[in-house]
Amino acid sequence: MKIKKYILILVAISIIVACKHDNEIMSNEDVSKLSDGSYKIPSHYGMVELFVLSDNQDIIMTNTDYLRYVYDHHFLTKFKTYYEFLSKTLNHKIKLDHKNFDGIPYESFKISERIEKQYRNLKLKGFLKKYITRKHDTSILSISTQMPYNEILTISYYLYLNGYQTKFSDHSPQYVVMERDRIMNN
């Protein structure tokens, strides 16, 4: 009887942990690394583009240094630590007001309905196949030069949700795609 009870408890805990992990966009380890940043002294991860939800259904693209500024000026009393604020923000547990970003650079955009439909229909594997090509040792975002910027941001956002980061290459007019783990573990 005790063994059955013990096994049942282990199964319940496993299910809870598995469900929690499925909703995670940014791991605790990555949030911890990002939370070391400051807007006064740019962090090592300041160039990593991060996507947060806004209260008006937009997606805000920013970075950890600017989110630190938002925390220090608007959320210092609402969250005990920057880590807690960053974890909830990056994992889309809270939405931010555009006013929180007054005076600092950021971009916001609405999800492209066309790209959203493709993402839902193709699922992740098909979406990756459609939009990522390999050139030599690099993954490149495979998009038309005529593609609207909003659609590029939407693709980048869906890749971000699944552990990828995109960055426009200054050396060639294309977007490079990297797995987030590769960036965060350098």
C-alpha atoms as a PDB file:
ATOM      1  CA  MET A   1       0.000   0.000   0.000  1.00  0.00           C
ATOM      2  CA  LYS A   2       2.798   2.427   0.885  1.00  0.00           C
ATOM      3  CA  ILE A   3       4.583   1.647  -2.387  1.00  0.00           C
ATOM      4  CA  LYS A   4       1.461   2.468  -4.445  1.00  0.00           C
ATOM      5  CA  LYS A   5       1.045   5.745  -2.569  1.00  0.00           C
ATOM      6  CA  TYR A   6       4.737   6.577  -3.085  1.00  0.00           C
ATOM      7  CA  ILE A   7       4.544   5.796  -6.820  1.00  0.00           C
ATOM      8  CA  LEU A   8       1.367   7.868  -7.169  1.00  0.00           C
ATOM      9  CA  ILE A   9       3.083  10.849  -5.526  1.00  0.00           C
ATOM     10  CA  LEU A  10       6.116  10.486  -7.824  1.00  0.00           C
ATOM     11  CA  VAL A  11       3.881  10.339 -10.907  1.00  0.00           C
ATOM     12  CA  ALA A  12       1.962  13.447  -9.775  1.00  0.00           C
ATOM     13  CA  ILE A  13       5.198  15.375  -9.174  1.00  0.00           C
ATOM     14  CA  SER A  14       6.555  14.285 -12.567  1.00  0.00           C
ATOM     15  CA  ILE A  15       3.407  15.521 -14.310  1.00  0.00           C
ATOM     16  CA  ILE A  16       3.552  18.868 -12.521  1.00  0.00           C
ATOM     17  CA  VAL A  17       7.236  19.349 -13.400  1.00  0.00           C
ATOM     18  CA  ALA A  18       6.632  18.318 -17.032  1.00  0.00           C
ATOM     19  CA  CYS A  19       3.710  20.741 -17.399  1.00  0.00           C
ATOM     20  CA  LYS A  20       5.696  23.570 -15.860  1.00  0.00           C
ATOM     21  CA  HIS A  21       8.610  22.920 -18.219  1.00  0.00           C
ATOM     22  CA  ASP A  22       6.319  22.952 -21.280  1.00  0.00           C
ATOM     23  CA  ASN A  23       5.252  26.540 -20.528  1.00  0.00           C
ATOM     24  CA  GLU A  24       8.801  27.731 -20.070  1.00  0.00           C
ATOM     25  CA  ILE A  25      10.176  30.019 -22.771  1.00  0.00           C
ATOM     26  CA  MET A  26      13.358  30.963 -20.953  1.00  0.00           C
ATOM     27  CA  SER A  27      15.047  28.541 -18.541  1.00  0.00           C
ATOM     28  CA  ASN A  28      15.881  29.547 -14.965  1.00  0.00           C
ATOM     29  CA  GLU A  29      19.569  29.228 -15.809  1.00  0.00           C
ATOM     30  CA  ASP A  30      19.247  31.598 -18.776  1.00  0.00           C
ATOM     31  CA  VAL A  31      17.171  34.065 -16.756  1.00  0.00           C
ATOM     32  CA  SER A  32      19.864  33.992 -14.090  1.00  0.00           C
ATOM     33  CA  LYS A  33      22.561  34.833 -16.659  1.00  0.00           C
ATOM     34  CA  LEU A  34      20.435  37.604 -18.166  1.00  0.00           C
ATOM     35  CA  SER A  35      19.593  39.063 -14.757  1.00  0.00           C
ATOM     36  CA  ASP A  36      23.242  39.968 -14.142  1.00  0.00           C
ATOM     37  CA  GLY A  37      22.889  42.785 -16.685  1.00  0.00           C
ATOM     38  CA  SER A  38      22.484  46.482 -16.072  1.00  0.00           C
ATOM     39  CA  TYR A  39      21.540  49.402 -18.265  1.00  0.00           C
ATOM     40  CA  LYS A  40      24.438  51.403 -16.792  1.00  0.00           C
ATOM     41  CA  ILE A  41      27.116  48.892 -17.804  1.00  0.00           C
ATOM     42  CA  PRO A  42      25.967  46.810 -20.789  1.00  0.00           C
ATOM     43  CA  SER A  43      25.853  43.114 -20.054  1.00  0.00           C
ATOM     44  CA  HIS A  44      27.468  40.298 -21.975  1.00  0.00           C
ATOM     45  CA  TYR A  45      23.978  39.333 -23.147  1.00  0.00           C
ATOM     46  CA  GLY A  46      22.792  42.842 -24.003  1.00  0.00           C
ATOM     47  CA  MET A  47      22.623  42.032 -27.718  1.00  0.00           C
ATOM     48  CA  VAL A  48      20.242  39.089 -27.230  1.00  0.00           C
ATOM     49  CA  GLU A  49      16.845  40.155 -28.501  1.00  0.00           C
ATOM     50  CA  LEU A  50      14.052  39.377 -26.060  1.00  0.00           C
ATOM     51  CA  PHE A  51      10.320  39.405 -26.685  1.00  0.00           C
ATOM     52  CA  VAL A  52       7.828  40.402 -23.999  1.00  0.00           C
ATOM     53  CA  LEU A  53       4.072  40.848 -24.044  1.00  0.00           C
ATOM     54  CA  SER A  54       2.462  44.255 -23.865  1.00  0.00           C
ATOM     55  CA  ASP A  55      -0.888  45.050 -22.338  1.00  0.00           C
ATOM     56  CA  ASN A  56      -2.297  46.123 -25.725  1.00  0.00           C
ATOM     57  CA  GLN A  57      -1.675  42.798 -27.525  1.00  0.00           C
ATOM     58  CA  ASP A  58       1.614  43.941 -29.101  1.00  0.00           C
ATOM     59  CA  ILE A  59       4.884  42.111 -28.749  1.00  0.00           C
ATOM     60  CA  ILE A  60       7.759  44.255 -27.495  1.00  0.00           C
ATOM     61  CA  MET A  61      11.276  43.457 -28.674  1.00  0.00           C
ATOM     62  CA  THR A  62      13.947  44.681 -26.277  1.00  0.00           C
ATOM     63  CA  ASN A  63      17.007  43.392 -24.409  1.00  0.00           C
ATOM     64  CA  THR A  64      18.033  42.568 -20.861  1.00  0.00           C
ATOM     65  CA  ASP A  65      19.736  45.917 -20.253  1.00  0.00           C
ATOM     66  CA  TYR A  66      16.594  47.870 -21.112  1.00  0.00           C
ATOM     67  CA  LEU A  67      14.421  45.483 -19.131  1.00  0.00           C
ATOM     68  CA  ARG A  68      16.679  46.209 -16.147  1.00  0.00           C
ATOM     69  CA  TYR A  69      15.910  49.909 -16.638  1.00  0.00           C
ATOM     70  CA  VAL A  70      12.162  49.117 -16.761  1.00  0.00           C
ATOM     71  CA  TYR A  71      12.477  47.079 -13.560  1.00  0.00           C
ATOM     72  CA  ASP A  72      14.476  49.740 -11.695  1.00  0.00           C
ATOM     73  CA  HIS A  73      12.077  52.539 -12.675  1.00  0.00           C
ATOM     74  CA  HIS A  74       8.692  50.812 -12.615  1.00  0.00           C
ATOM     75  CA  PHE A  75       8.749  47.435 -10.839  1.00  0.00           C
ATOM     76  CA  LEU A  76      11.316  47.695  -8.052  1.00  0.00           C
ATOM     77  CA  THR A  77       8.627  47.606  -5.356  1.00  0.00           C
ATOM     78  CA  LYS A  78       6.426  45.008  -7.102  1.00  0.00           C
ATOM     79  CA  PHE A  79       9.089  42.290  -7.397  1.00  0.00           C
ATOM     80  CA  LYS A  80      11.705  41.371  -4.800  1.00  0.00           C
ATOM     81  CA  THR A  81      14.447  40.849  -7.390  1.00  0.00           C
ATOM     82  CA  TYR A  82      15.243  41.634 -10.987  1.00  0.00           C
ATOM     83  CA  TYR A  83      15.530  37.883 -11.559  1.00  0.00           C
ATOM     84  CA  GLU A  84      11.896  37.377 -10.459  1.00  0.00           C
ATOM     85  CA  PHE A  85      10.686  40.220 -12.691  1.00  0.00           C
ATOM     86  CA  LEU A  86      12.733  38.966 -15.645  1.00  0.00           C
ATOM     87  CA  SER A  87      11.536  35.376 -15.236  1.00  0.00           C
ATOM     88  CA  LYS A  88       7.875  36.392 -15.172  1.00  0.00           C
ATOM     89  CA  THR A  89       8.320  38.842 -18.058  1.00  0.00           C
ATOM     90  CA  LEU A  90      10.321  36.557 -20.350  1.00  0.00           C
ATOM     91  CA  ASN A  91       8.061  33.594 -19.685  1.00  0.00           C
ATOM     92  CA  HIS A  92       5.010  35.743 -20.503  1.00  0.00           C
ATOM     93  CA  LYS A  93       3.433  35.589 -17.043  1.00  0.00           C
ATOM     94  CA  ILE A  94       2.996  39.380 -17.013  1.00  0.00           C
ATOM     95  CA  LYS A  95       2.381  42.051 -19.624  1.00  0.00           C
ATOM     96  CA  LEU A  96       4.142  45.399 -19.732  1.00  0.00           C
ATOM     97  CA  ASP A  97       2.803  48.822 -20.591  1.00  0.00           C
ATOM     98  CA  HIS A  98       4.478  50.699 -23.438  1.00  0.00           C
ATOM     99  CA  LYS A  99       4.801  53.665 -21.068  1.00  0.00           C
ATOM    100  CA  ASN A 100       7.346  51.625 -19.102  1.00  0.00           C
ATOM    101  CA  PHE A 101       9.671  51.958 -22.104  1.00  0.00           C
ATOM    102  CA  ASP A 102       9.464  55.748 -22.428  1.00  0.00           C
ATOM    103  CA  GLY A 103      12.939  57.149 -23.002  1.00  0.00           C
ATOM    104  CA  ILE A 104      14.573  53.869 -24.024  1.00  0.00           C
ATOM    105  CA  PRO A 105      14.742  52.174 -27.428  1.00  0.00           C
ATOM    106  CA  TYR A 106      12.462  49.251 -28.204  1.00  0.00           C
ATOM    107  CA  GLU A 107      10.339  47.938 -31.037  1.00  0.00           C
ATOM    108  CA  SER A 108       6.789  46.709 -30.885  1.00  0.00           C
ATOM    109  CA  PHE A 109       4.719  44.867 -33.430  1.00  0.00           C
ATOM    110  CA  LYS A 110       1.518  42.940 -33.913  1.00  0.00           C
ATOM    111  CA  ILE A 111       1.673  39.258 -34.796  1.00  0.00           C
ATOM    112  CA  SER A 112       1.270  38.788 -38.554  1.00  0.00           C
ATOM    113  CA  GLU A 113      -1.874  36.741 -39.141  1.00  0.00           C
ATOM    114  CA  ARG A 114      -0.309  35.116 -42.220  1.00  0.00           C
ATOM    115  CA  ILE A 115       2.777  33.940 -40.322  1.00  0.00           C
ATOM    116  CA  GLU A 116       0.702  32.886 -37.309  1.00  0.00           C
ATOM    117  CA  LYS A 117      -1.457  30.700 -39.564  1.00  0.00           C
ATOM    118  CA  GLN A 118       1.662  29.133 -41.113  1.00  0.00           C
ATOM    119  CA  TYR A 119       3.133  28.466 -37.670  1.00  0.00           C
ATOM    120  CA  ARG A 120      -0.048  26.744 -36.495  1.00  0.00           C
ATOM    121  CA  ASN A 121      -0.499  24.708 -39.684  1.00  0.00           C
ATOM    122  CA  LEU A 122       3.132  23.683 -40.204  1.00  0.00           C
ATOM    123  CA  LYS A 123       3.916  22.994 -36.539  1.00  0.00           C
ATOM    124  CA  LEU A 124       7.455  23.708 -35.353  1.00  0.00           C
ATOM    125  CA  LYS A 125       9.310  21.202 -37.538  1.00  0.00           C
ATOM    126  CA  GLY A 126       7.630  22.404 -40.750  1.00  0.00           C
ATOM    127  CA  PHE A 127       8.045  26.054 -39.731  1.00  0.00           C
ATOM    128  CA  LEU A 128      11.787  25.564 -39.176  1.00  0.00           C
ATOM    129  CA  LYS A 129      12.102  23.776 -42.505  1.00  0.00           C
ATOM    130  CA  LYS A 130      10.272  26.571 -44.310  1.00  0.00           C
ATOM    131  CA  TYR A 131      12.210  29.479 -42.799  1.00  0.00           C
ATOM    132  CA  ILE A 132      15.702  28.230 -41.964  1.00  0.00           C
ATOM    133  CA  THR A 133      18.380  27.210 -44.443  1.00  0.00           C
ATOM    134  CA  ARG A 134      21.941  26.134 -43.749  1.00  0.00           C
ATOM    135  CA  LYS A 135      24.794  27.966 -45.485  1.00  0.00           C
ATOM    136  CA  HIS A 136      28.168  26.499 -44.646  1.00  0.00           C
ATOM    137  CA  ASP A 137      28.173  26.356 -40.838  1.00  0.00           C
ATOM    138  CA  THR A 138      25.465  28.966 -40.307  1.00  0.00           C
ATOM    139  CA  SER A 139      21.676  28.854 -40.142  1.00  0.00           C
ATOM    140  CA  ILE A 140      20.081  31.674 -42.106  1.00  0.00           C
ATOM    141  CA  LEU A 141      16.515  32.955 -42.061  1.00  0.00           C
ATOM    142  CA  SER A 142      15.237  32.079 -45.516  1.00  0.00           C
ATOM    143  CA  ILE A 143      13.026  35.025 -46.417  1.00  0.00           C
ATOM    144  CA  SER A 144      12.320  37.213 -49.403  1.00  0.00           C
ATOM    145  CA  THR A 145      13.912  40.644 -49.493  1.00  0.00           C
ATOM    146  CA  GLN A 146      10.385  41.928 -50.104  1.00  0.00           C
ATOM    147  CA  MET A 147       8.951  40.402 -46.906  1.00  0.00           C
ATOM    148  CA  PRO A 148       7.367  43.023 -44.624  1.00  0.00           C
ATOM    149  CA  TYR A 149       9.395  43.761 -41.493  1.00  0.00           C
ATOM    150  CA  ASN A 150       6.400  42.865 -39.300  1.00  0.00           C
ATOM    151  CA  GLU A 151       6.434  39.348 -40.753  1.00  0.00           C
ATOM    152  CA  ILE A 152      10.186  39.027 -40.136  1.00  0.00           C
ATOM    153  CA  LEU A 153       9.639  40.031 -36.506  1.00  0.00           C
ATOM    154  CA  THR A 154       6.779  37.542 -36.197  1.00  0.00           C
ATOM    155  CA  ILE A 155       8.964  34.721 -37.540  1.00  0.00           C
ATOM    156  CA  SER A 156      11.720  35.767 -35.125  1.00  0.00           C
ATOM    157  CA  TYR A 157       9.201  35.763 -32.280  1.00  0.00           C
ATOM    158  CA  TYR A 158       7.986  32.224 -33.021  1.00  0.00           C
ATOM    159  CA  LEU A 159      11.585  31.039 -33.279  1.00  0.00           C
ATOM    160  CA  TYR A 160      12.288  32.764 -29.933  1.00  0.00           C
ATOM    161  CA  LEU A 161       9.382  30.929 -28.301  1.00  0.00           C
ATOM    162  CA  ASN A 162      11.041  27.688 -29.346  1.00  0.00           C
ATOM    163  CA  GLY A 163      14.582  28.392 -28.170  1.00  0.00           C
ATOM    164  CA  TYR A 164      16.086  30.198 -31.174  1.00  0.00           C
ATOM    165  CA  GLN A 165      17.456  33.711 -31.550  1.00  0.00           C
ATOM    166  CA  THR A 166      17.681  35.719 -34.758  1.00  0.00           C
ATOM    167  CA  LYS A 167      20.085  38.549 -35.412  1.00  0.00           C
ATOM    168  CA  PHE A 168      20.569  40.703 -38.478  1.00  0.00           C
ATOM    169  CA  SER A 169      24.098  40.257 -39.793  1.00  0.00           C
ATOM    170  CA  ASP A 170      26.011  43.473 -40.457  1.00  0.00           C
ATOM    171  CA  HIS A 171      28.401  41.572 -42.730  1.00  0.00           C
ATOM    172  CA  SER A 172      25.742  40.373 -45.134  1.00  0.00           C
ATOM    173  CA  PRO A 173      22.119  41.407 -45.578  1.00  0.00           C
ATOM    174  CA  GLN A 174      20.566  38.399 -43.874  1.00  0.00           C
ATOM    175  CA  TYR A 175      19.297  37.179 -40.525  1.00  0.00           C
ATOM    176  CA  VAL A 176      21.372  34.580 -38.701  1.00  0.00           C
ATOM    177  CA  VAL A 177      19.492  32.015 -36.585  1.00  0.00           C
ATOM    178  CA  MET A 178      21.113  30.378 -33.569  1.00  0.00           C
ATOM    179  CA  GLU A 179      19.895  28.081 -30.856  1.00  0.00           C
ATOM    180  CA  ARG A 180      19.597  30.075 -27.637  1.00  0.00           C
ATOM    181  CA  ASP A 181      21.600  27.499 -25.690  1.00  0.00           C
ATOM    182  CA  ARG A 182      24.570  28.136 -27.964  1.00  0.00           C
ATOM    183  CA  ILE A 183      24.449  31.861 -27.212  1.00  0.00           C
ATOM    184  CA  MET A 184      23.810  31.525 -23.499  1.00  0.00           C
ATOM    185  CA  ASN A 185      26.542  28.961 -22.935  1.00  0.00           C
ATOM    186  CA  ASN A 186      29.369  30.887 -24.606  1.00  0.00           C
END
